[in-house]
C-alpha cells in the first residue's frame, strides 16, 4: 500500500471513505440480535463531528484524553475524531480496576475522559480526589442510562458530564460556524505525532505507558494487506478488547482495505450466532477463542456419540496424518537444517495419494458441516496476543480451515510478523514484515543467526518511542541504536520464518539449575478433556507442580458413566478415583514419549474449580498473569511444596 508523505491514520481513513463512501464500515451493535449499518461516508462525518465537538470544549493538539470502553462502533468513531485533531487517547477497557484508572489518568494528567457507561463514570468519579486535573467526562451511553447518584457525584466533584451523541450534534453546529477548521486540523497532522498512549495490561504487575505514533501504525499497513487480504465490503468479526493494540491495529487493517467491522463478543453462543448472521470472511482473536471453538466441537461430537462420533474421530485422525505428509512434501513445515523433499515424496506419495479419496469423503460427510458453523464466507482466522497451541493449529490445518498465527507486542504497535494466508508455514509466524529487522541474540547480546534459539530483538518503524515518563524502563528494553528486546525466545528457520518458543520472564529455573518453559507443558496438559487450564509452577523449587482447572462437565459425566457415587462435587474431586484419574492423565501427557525431559514431569498437582477471569487471573489478552496466580492460590501452592519447608 502506497501512503502519501506525512500521512496519519485519519488521513488514510479519509482517503478510503472518499473512494468507497457507500460501503458499510461498521455494524453498530444494538443488541444480541440487531445491528445497524454505518457507511464509510457516515463514519467519516461522525469522526469530523466528534472532533469539532472536542474543539468546541477547548481540546488542544497533543492533549491526553482517557478512553475507557470496550469495543463498540462509537469507540472507532471517537478514536478517529481524537486523532483527527491531533489529540492523544489513553485507552483502557471496562475491566480496568479503580487502581488502574487512578494510575493511568493521573500519570497522563487527563482533563477529559471518555467513559462507556454509568459503571465507568462511577469508577472514575470515585477517585476524583486523586485526579485533580479532571473536569469533563464524555459518556457513550445516552443520558437516561446514567443514574442520579452518579450525576450528583459529578456535580459535587465539579465534573461536567457530556454525552457522545450530544457532542456530535454540538460539533455539527460548530462546523457550520467554523467552516473548514476541522479539515485544516486534519491537514496539520504529522506521522510523528503521538497517536495513542497504551498502558500494558501488565502480566508482570507493572503496567507501562507505551508511546505510539501514527508512523508506528501506518508502517505495518505497507505489507499486512498482502498477507491478510480483504476485498472492499468483506466482513470481519470484532471480538477482542479494542483498547488493546492488537484489535486496534486489526481494525486499521480492515478499514484501510474498505472492509466491514462487525462487532461481536467472545461468548460461545453470541459468537456462533454472529457467524451465521454476518457470514464474516475474517476473524482475528486470541488463541483461547480458537481453543474454545475446537473444544466445543470435540465436546459436541462426544455427546452425540454413536456412528457420528466414530466417523468424526476416524476422518479427523486420517486428516491429521494426510496433512502432515502433505506439509513434508510441499515444504510447509519450518526447516532448521535442509529440506529432504525428494525423500518425503518417495516415502509419502503413494499413501498420500491413496488417502485423498478418504480425505475428500471426510470433508463431504463431516468437515463441511463443521465449516458451515463459521458461515458460508469464512476464509481466514488470525490468532494473536498469546501462544497458539500446536493441537489447535493442527486441528484447523487438518480440516482445511485457514487460521494463521501472528506475533507482536504493544511496543511494536503490535505486528512483528504474521503467517501469510496464501503461503502458510506450519508452527511459524512467517518472516518479519517489510521494513522490520529481527535478530536472535544470546543472554550476553551476541548475535546467534539462523537455526539457534535465543532472544528475539526487533528494529524498525513500528517500534515505540518509549515508555511515557519512564526513561529507566525504556532503557532496559530499547538500545541506543533502536533494537527492542522483546523478552521472547525464538528461532529463525533457514528462510527466516520466526518460531516463538516462550518468554524469558516465564522461564522456570529449578533448584538444580534446570531451565524450562512452562507454556509447552501447559499446552500439552489441556489436551486432556478433563483439564480446562493448567498453570505450571516451580521457580527455585526442586520439582514442578501444577494448578489444574477442572472441566466440571467432563468430570461429572465421567462419574456418571463409571457409577461413582458422591455427595458433593468437592468430595468427588477429593476422592481417590478422581485424583488417580488426573495423575494418570498428567503422567501420560507429560512423558518421555511426548518429548518431555525428566525434570519437566509434574510431581504434584492441585485441582481448582473457579474459572479464570479477565482482570483477576487473566490479562485483557487472556494471558495468565503468573504474579496474580502466586498471590491468589498461595495456599494450594504452599501445600504442594510443604515438604520443602
Foldseek 3Di string as FASTA:
>chain_A
DDDDAQDFLLNLLVVLCVVFVAFFAEFFDPDLVHTHTDGSVRLNLLLQLLLLLCVVVPDAAQQEEEEEEFDGSVSVSPLSNCVLLRYAYEYDYPLDALVRCLVRCQLSLHQEYEHAAQSRLVSPLVVLVSRVNHAEYEYADDPVRHDPVSVVSNVVSNHYYHYSVVSSVVSVVSCVVVPPPSVVSNVPRGQAGFSYFYWDLCLPPDTFTFTFGRLLLVVQLVCVCVQVPDAAAAEEEQAAGCSQLVSVSVSSNQSSRNYYYYYFHLDVVSQLVVLAVVVHAEYEAAQVSLVVLVLVVLVVLVVVDDPSVVLLVVLQVLLLVLLVLVCLQVVQAFAAPDRPNVVSCVVPVVVSVVCVVVNVVSLVPPLVVSVCSSHDNYAEYEHEDDDNFLVSLSNCSSSVRHYKYFYFDVQSSTGQAAARSVRGRRQFRFAGDPFKDKFFAAPVRHTDDANDKHWIKMFGSNGTPATPPCVPVRCVAAPPVGIGGPQWIWHAGPVRTIHTDAGNVQWAQELVGDTDHCVNLFSLLCVDSQFDGKDWDHHHHHAIAIETAGPQVVLVVVCVVVVPDDDDPVVSCVDPVNVVVSVVSQDVRQDVVVPHDPRNRHPYYDYDHDDDDDSQQADSSRDGSVVNVCVVCVVVVCVVCVVVD
